[in-house]
């Protein structure tokens, strides 16, 4: 229980800084990792049970694997990835069947993070869409009326009609499924375009090099003449690349801000804690 309070404290601090500055300080994440390994080590020595530190290391390793995957695919920033590692180290991840009286808290948290992250992301994008609707709709209209997009829209309509029409050759319930599938194809296409318009309108901006932090995502390569000084990557800018920009007196670069994702961790963590504490049925192994 004590470990959960420490993790919650770190997530709350990370949520505040992520919303305000779009970053999570390293001291928060490394404190979570250190606390997780330190507390589990003390418990292991006191109880003469070294499985406790082993489970903490397993949670840290699982957090690293998931965090690295999301970081290097451009879904999370470095702070998000490190926070998952800290939560894993604190809550642990038992890997012995004899410890599986309940679904491991960390596994439950990760599962809920998927749904919380998706819902949170959709709500955040919707709010931005409404707040900046004039700019977003203008950008969306520009994208929809390019020649390639017009051909794509026609292809999507034809595909949706074919899928819906195919359903009429099957019994009633299956017909409905085909119609729903066609509608989802059509709506998903326009939803993805709307999301892209929001990203290009609200997330892409010019930022002073002095205000850049490690992990910021650059939209385009930084060049001096024909020479590429810093190449834009999905993993974000590094400290070495920041030094190169300052060395060559580059004042501004184009970056893409992401959605502050740590708040979704907070939502998932609170729900996981509630379900875990009250032993909600169907979420735990027999």
Protein backbone atom coordinates (compact mmCIF):
# COMPACT_ATOMS: atom_id res chain seq x y z
CA UNK A 1 0.00 0.00 0.00
CA UNK A 2 2.84 2.40 0.87
CA UNK A 3 4.33 1.86 -2.59
CA UNK A 4 1.04 2.82 -4.23
CA UNK A 5 0.97 6.14 -2.35
CA UNK A 6 4.52 6.90 -3.53
CA UNK A 7 3.60 6.00 -7.12
CA UNK A 8 0.44 8.12 -6.95
CA UNK A 9 2.43 11.10 -5.63
CA UNK A 10 4.88 10.80 -8.52
CA UNK A 11 2.07 10.53 -11.07
CA UNK A 12 0.29 13.60 -9.67
CA UNK A 13 3.51 15.65 -9.86
CA UNK A 14 4.13 14.32 -13.38
CA UNK A 15 0.57 15.18 -14.42
CA UNK A 16 0.98 18.80 -13.28
CA UNK A 17 4.34 19.30 -15.01
CA UNK A 18 3.20 17.48 -18.16
CA UNK A 19 0.18 19.75 -18.55
CA UNK A 20 2.16 22.91 -17.75
CA UNK A 21 5.45 22.23 -19.53
CA UNK A 22 4.88 19.08 -21.63
CA UNK A 23 7.63 17.30 -19.72
CA UNK A 24 8.14 15.15 -16.64
CA UNK A 25 11.30 15.98 -14.65
CA UNK A 26 13.85 13.18 -14.47
CA UNK A 27 14.09 13.56 -10.70
CA UNK A 28 10.45 12.45 -10.38
CA UNK A 29 10.88 9.33 -12.49
CA UNK A 30 14.26 8.33 -11.10
CA UNK A 31 12.89 8.85 -7.58
CA UNK A 32 10.09 6.40 -8.37
CA UNK A 33 12.55 3.84 -9.74
CA UNK A 34 14.92 4.29 -6.79
CA UNK A 35 12.08 4.09 -4.25
CA UNK A 36 10.71 0.95 -5.88
CA UNK A 37 14.02 -0.90 -5.87
CA UNK A 38 15.01 0.43 -2.43
CA UNK A 39 11.77 -0.48 -0.68
CA UNK A 40 11.61 -3.94 -2.26
CA UNK A 41 15.23 -4.57 -1.24
CA UNK A 42 14.46 -3.64 2.37
CA UNK A 43 11.36 -5.86 2.37
CA UNK A 44 13.35 -8.73 0.89
CA UNK A 45 16.01 -8.48 3.59
CA UNK A 46 13.53 -7.99 6.44
CA UNK A 47 11.28 -10.89 5.37
CA UNK A 48 14.15 -13.00 4.04
CA UNK A 49 12.18 -13.33 0.80
CA UNK A 50 14.15 -12.25 -2.24
CA UNK A 51 11.29 -12.85 -4.63
CA UNK A 52 10.08 -9.37 -3.66
CA UNK A 53 13.10 -7.60 -5.20
CA UNK A 54 12.91 -10.02 -8.15
CA UNK A 55 9.31 -8.98 -8.83
CA UNK A 56 10.30 -5.31 -8.56
CA UNK A 57 13.04 -5.87 -11.15
CA UNK A 58 10.54 -7.70 -13.36
CA UNK A 59 8.17 -4.73 -13.14
CA UNK A 60 11.03 -2.38 -14.00
CA UNK A 61 12.02 -4.55 -16.98
CA UNK A 62 8.44 -4.77 -18.23
CA UNK A 63 8.08 -1.01 -17.87
CA UNK A 64 11.31 -0.49 -19.79
CA UNK A 65 10.18 -2.77 -22.63
CA UNK A 66 6.80 -1.07 -22.98
CA UNK A 67 8.22 2.42 -22.52
CA UNK A 68 10.97 1.86 -25.09
CA UNK A 69 8.46 0.50 -27.61
CA UNK A 70 6.18 3.52 -27.21
CA UNK A 71 9.10 5.98 -27.15
CA UNK A 72 10.87 4.73 -30.26
CA UNK A 73 7.60 4.55 -32.21
CA UNK A 74 6.95 8.19 -31.37
CA UNK A 75 3.88 7.59 -29.20
CA UNK A 76 5.33 8.75 -25.88
CA UNK A 77 8.00 11.13 -24.75
CA UNK A 78 10.96 10.02 -22.67
CA UNK A 79 9.30 11.19 -19.44
CA UNK A 80 6.25 9.00 -20.06
CA UNK A 81 8.43 5.96 -20.70
CA UNK A 82 10.51 6.50 -17.56
CA UNK A 83 7.39 6.95 -15.44
CA UNK A 84 6.08 3.55 -16.54
CA UNK A 85 9.41 2.08 -15.44
CA UNK A 86 9.08 3.75 -12.04
CA UNK A 87 5.52 2.48 -11.55
CA UNK A 88 6.65 -1.01 -12.55
CA UNK A 89 9.52 -0.94 -10.05
CA UNK A 90 7.24 0.24 -7.23
CA UNK A 91 4.28 -2.07 -7.81
CA UNK A 92 6.26 -5.07 -9.06
CA UNK A 93 5.19 -7.79 -11.45
CA UNK A 94 4.93 -11.28 -9.88
CA UNK A 95 5.78 -14.06 -12.33
CA UNK A 96 5.14 -17.11 -10.11
CA UNK A 97 1.67 -18.76 -10.22
CA UNK A 98 1.68 -19.04 -6.43
CA UNK A 99 1.57 -15.22 -6.25
CA UNK A 100 -1.38 -14.91 -8.65
CA UNK A 101 -4.19 -14.58 -6.13
CA UNK A 102 -5.15 -11.41 -7.97
CA UNK A 103 -4.22 -9.92 -11.27
CA UNK A 104 -0.90 -8.13 -10.61
CA UNK A 105 -1.57 -4.46 -10.00
CA UNK A 106 0.94 -3.37 -12.63
CA UNK A 107 -0.70 -5.60 -15.27
CA UNK A 108 -4.12 -4.19 -14.36
CA UNK A 109 -2.75 -0.65 -14.54
CA UNK A 110 -1.23 -1.26 -17.99
CA UNK A 111 -4.49 -2.73 -19.30
CA UNK A 112 -6.50 0.22 -18.04
CA UNK A 113 -3.90 2.64 -19.43
CA UNK A 114 -4.76 1.47 -22.93
CA UNK A 115 -8.44 2.33 -22.55
CA UNK A 116 -7.84 5.45 -20.45
CA UNK A 117 -5.24 6.69 -22.95
CA UNK A 118 -7.56 6.15 -25.91
CA UNK A 119 -10.53 7.88 -24.24
CA UNK A 120 -8.35 10.68 -22.90
CA UNK A 121 -6.74 11.26 -26.30
CA UNK A 122 -10.08 11.43 -28.09
CA UNK A 123 -11.49 13.91 -25.56
CA UNK A 124 -8.34 16.07 -25.74
CA UNK A 125 -8.43 16.16 -29.55
CA UNK A 126 -12.16 16.96 -29.52
CA UNK A 127 -11.60 19.89 -27.14
CA UNK A 128 -8.82 21.23 -29.36
CA UNK A 129 -11.04 20.77 -32.42
CA UNK A 130 -13.82 22.85 -30.83
CA UNK A 131 -11.45 25.47 -29.41
CA UNK A 132 -9.62 26.04 -32.72
CA UNK A 133 -12.43 24.97 -35.06
CA UNK A 134 -11.97 27.80 -37.58
CA UNK A 135 -8.29 27.01 -38.19
CA UNK A 136 -8.85 23.25 -38.02
CA UNK A 137 -11.80 23.29 -40.44
CA UNK A 138 -9.83 25.47 -42.85
CA UNK A 139 -6.93 23.02 -42.78
CA UNK A 140 -9.28 20.05 -43.10
CA UNK A 141 -10.95 21.64 -46.13
CA UNK A 142 -7.55 22.20 -47.75
CA UNK A 143 -6.63 18.54 -47.28
CA UNK A 144 -9.99 17.25 -48.53
CA UNK A 145 -9.81 19.18 -51.80
CA UNK A 146 -6.39 18.06 -53.04
CA UNK A 147 -6.48 15.85 -56.14
CA UNK A 148 -5.08 12.80 -54.37
CA UNK A 149 -7.51 13.17 -51.49
CA UNK A 150 -10.50 13.51 -53.80
CA UNK A 151 -9.54 10.21 -55.43
CA UNK A 152 -9.07 8.63 -52.00
CA UNK A 153 -12.48 9.87 -50.83
CA UNK A 154 -14.14 8.37 -53.90
CA UNK A 155 -12.35 5.06 -53.28
CA UNK A 156 -13.49 5.04 -49.63
CA UNK A 157 -17.11 5.71 -50.64
CA UNK A 158 -17.02 2.92 -53.24
CA UNK A 159 -15.45 0.49 -50.76
CA UNK A 160 -18.05 1.36 -48.10
CA UNK A 161 -20.91 0.87 -50.56
CA UNK A 162 -19.52 -2.50 -51.71
CA UNK A 163 -19.10 -3.71 -48.11
CA UNK A 164 -22.64 -2.60 -47.17
CA UNK A 165 -24.14 -4.13 -50.33
CA UNK A 166 -22.33 -7.43 -49.70
CA UNK A 167 -24.12 -7.70 -46.37
CA UNK A 168 -27.51 -7.98 -48.09
CA UNK A 169 -26.54 -11.42 -49.39
CA UNK A 170 -26.42 -12.73 -45.81
CA UNK A 171 -29.02 -13.22 -43.04
CA UNK A 172 -30.33 -10.19 -41.10
CA UNK A 173 -27.83 -9.96 -38.21
CA UNK A 174 -24.85 -10.39 -40.53
CA UNK A 175 -26.27 -7.74 -42.87
CA UNK A 176 -26.28 -5.32 -39.97
CA UNK A 177 -22.64 -6.16 -39.18
CA UNK A 178 -21.59 -5.41 -42.76
CA UNK A 179 -23.45 -2.08 -42.70
CA UNK A 180 -21.77 -1.16 -39.40
CA UNK A 181 -18.38 -2.14 -40.85
CA UNK A 182 -18.98 0.09 -43.89
CA UNK A 183 -20.01 2.99 -41.66
CA UNK A 184 -16.93 2.52 -39.47
CA UNK A 185 -14.65 2.55 -42.52
CA UNK A 186 -16.18 5.82 -43.71
CA UNK A 187 -16.20 7.50 -40.30
CA UNK A 188 -12.70 6.32 -39.36
CA UNK A 189 -11.33 7.82 -42.57
CA UNK A 190 -12.76 11.26 -41.80
CA UNK A 191 -11.90 10.99 -38.13
CA UNK A 192 -8.24 10.34 -38.99
CA UNK A 193 -8.24 13.37 -41.29
CA UNK A 194 -9.73 15.53 -38.55
CA UNK A 195 -7.09 14.32 -36.08
CA UNK A 196 -4.35 15.10 -38.60
CA UNK A 197 -5.79 18.59 -39.14
CA UNK A 198 -5.81 19.20 -35.37
CA UNK A 199 -2.20 18.03 -35.11
CA UNK A 200 -1.03 20.26 -37.96
CA UNK A 201 -2.96 23.26 -36.65
CA UNK A 202 -2.53 23.01 -32.89
CA UNK A 203 0.60 20.95 -32.29
CA UNK A 204 3.08 22.18 -34.91
CA UNK A 205 4.81 25.41 -33.88
CA UNK A 206 8.05 27.34 -33.94
CA UNK A 207 10.09 27.12 -30.74
CA UNK A 208 13.23 28.87 -29.62
CA UNK A 209 16.22 26.56 -29.35
CA UNK A 210 16.82 27.90 -25.82
CA UNK A 211 13.45 26.48 -24.78
CA UNK A 212 13.91 23.06 -26.36
CA UNK A 213 14.22 20.07 -24.04
CA UNK A 214 15.47 16.58 -24.67
CA UNK A 215 12.79 14.49 -26.40
CA UNK A 216 11.03 17.35 -28.22
CA UNK A 217 9.85 16.17 -31.62
CA UNK A 218 11.11 18.15 -34.60
CA UNK A 219 8.91 18.20 -37.67
CA UNK A 220 11.69 18.66 -40.21
CA UNK A 221 15.46 18.38 -40.50
CA UNK A 222 17.50 21.44 -39.54
CA UNK A 223 19.83 22.47 -42.34
CA UNK A 224 22.54 25.04 -42.82
CA UNK A 225 22.88 25.49 -46.52
CA UNK A 226 22.71 21.98 -47.98
CA UNK A 227 24.18 20.36 -44.88
CA UNK A 228 21.80 18.60 -42.49
CA UNK A 229 22.78 19.62 -38.96
CA UNK A 230 20.11 17.70 -37.07
CA UNK A 231 17.85 15.04 -38.51
CA UNK A 232 14.26 14.84 -37.25
CA UNK A 233 13.48 11.43 -35.74
CA UNK A 234 10.48 9.84 -34.04
CA UNK A 235 12.44 9.48 -30.80
CA UNK A 236 12.90 13.24 -30.37
CA UNK A 237 15.89 15.51 -30.07
CA UNK A 238 18.90 14.49 -27.97
CA UNK A 239 21.21 16.54 -25.75
CA UNK A 240 23.98 16.18 -28.33
CA UNK A 241 21.70 17.53 -31.06
CA UNK A 242 20.74 20.48 -28.85
CA UNK A 243 24.41 21.33 -28.47
CA UNK A 244 24.86 21.19 -32.25
CA UNK A 245 21.96 23.62 -32.78
CA UNK A 246 23.38 26.05 -30.24
CA UNK A 247 26.89 25.69 -31.65
CA UNK A 248 25.66 26.70 -35.12
CA UNK A 249 23.54 29.53 -33.64
CA UNK A 250 20.21 28.15 -34.84
CA UNK A 251 17.55 30.27 -33.12
CA UNK A 252 14.29 28.46 -33.89
CA UNK A 253 13.10 25.05 -35.08
CA UNK A 254 9.71 23.63 -36.00
CA UNK A 255 8.48 21.12 -33.44
CA UNK A 256 5.38 19.05 -32.84
CA UNK A 257 3.95 19.03 -29.35
CA UNK A 258 2.23 15.88 -28.20
CA UNK A 259 -0.75 15.42 -25.95
CA UNK A 260 0.27 15.47 -22.26
CA UNK A 261 -0.14 11.75 -21.66
CA UNK A 262 0.68 11.39 -17.95
CA UNK A 263 -2.86 12.49 -16.92
CA UNK A 264 -4.14 9.28 -18.54
CA UNK A 265 -1.74 7.36 -16.27
CA UNK A 266 -3.34 9.08 -13.30
CA UNK A 267 -6.83 8.09 -14.44
CA UNK A 268 -5.78 4.47 -15.06
CA UNK A 269 -3.91 4.29 -11.74
CA UNK A 270 -6.88 5.51 -9.69
CA UNK A 271 -9.27 3.10 -11.40
CA UNK A 272 -6.79 0.23 -11.00
CA UNK A 273 -6.36 1.03 -7.31
CA UNK A 274 -10.15 1.04 -6.80
CA UNK A 275 -10.66 -2.26 -8.62
CA UNK A 276 -7.69 -3.86 -6.89
CA UNK A 277 -8.74 -2.70 -3.42
CA UNK A 278 -12.37 -3.83 -3.76
CA UNK A 279 -11.48 -7.06 -5.57
CA UNK A 280 -13.93 -6.41 -8.41
CA UNK A 281 -15.08 -9.70 -10.05
CA UNK A 282 -14.00 -10.82 -13.53
CA UNK A 283 -10.76 -8.84 -13.32
CA UNK A 284 -8.91 -11.33 -11.20
CA UNK A 285 -7.69 -14.85 -11.87
CA UNK A 286 -9.08 -17.80 -9.95
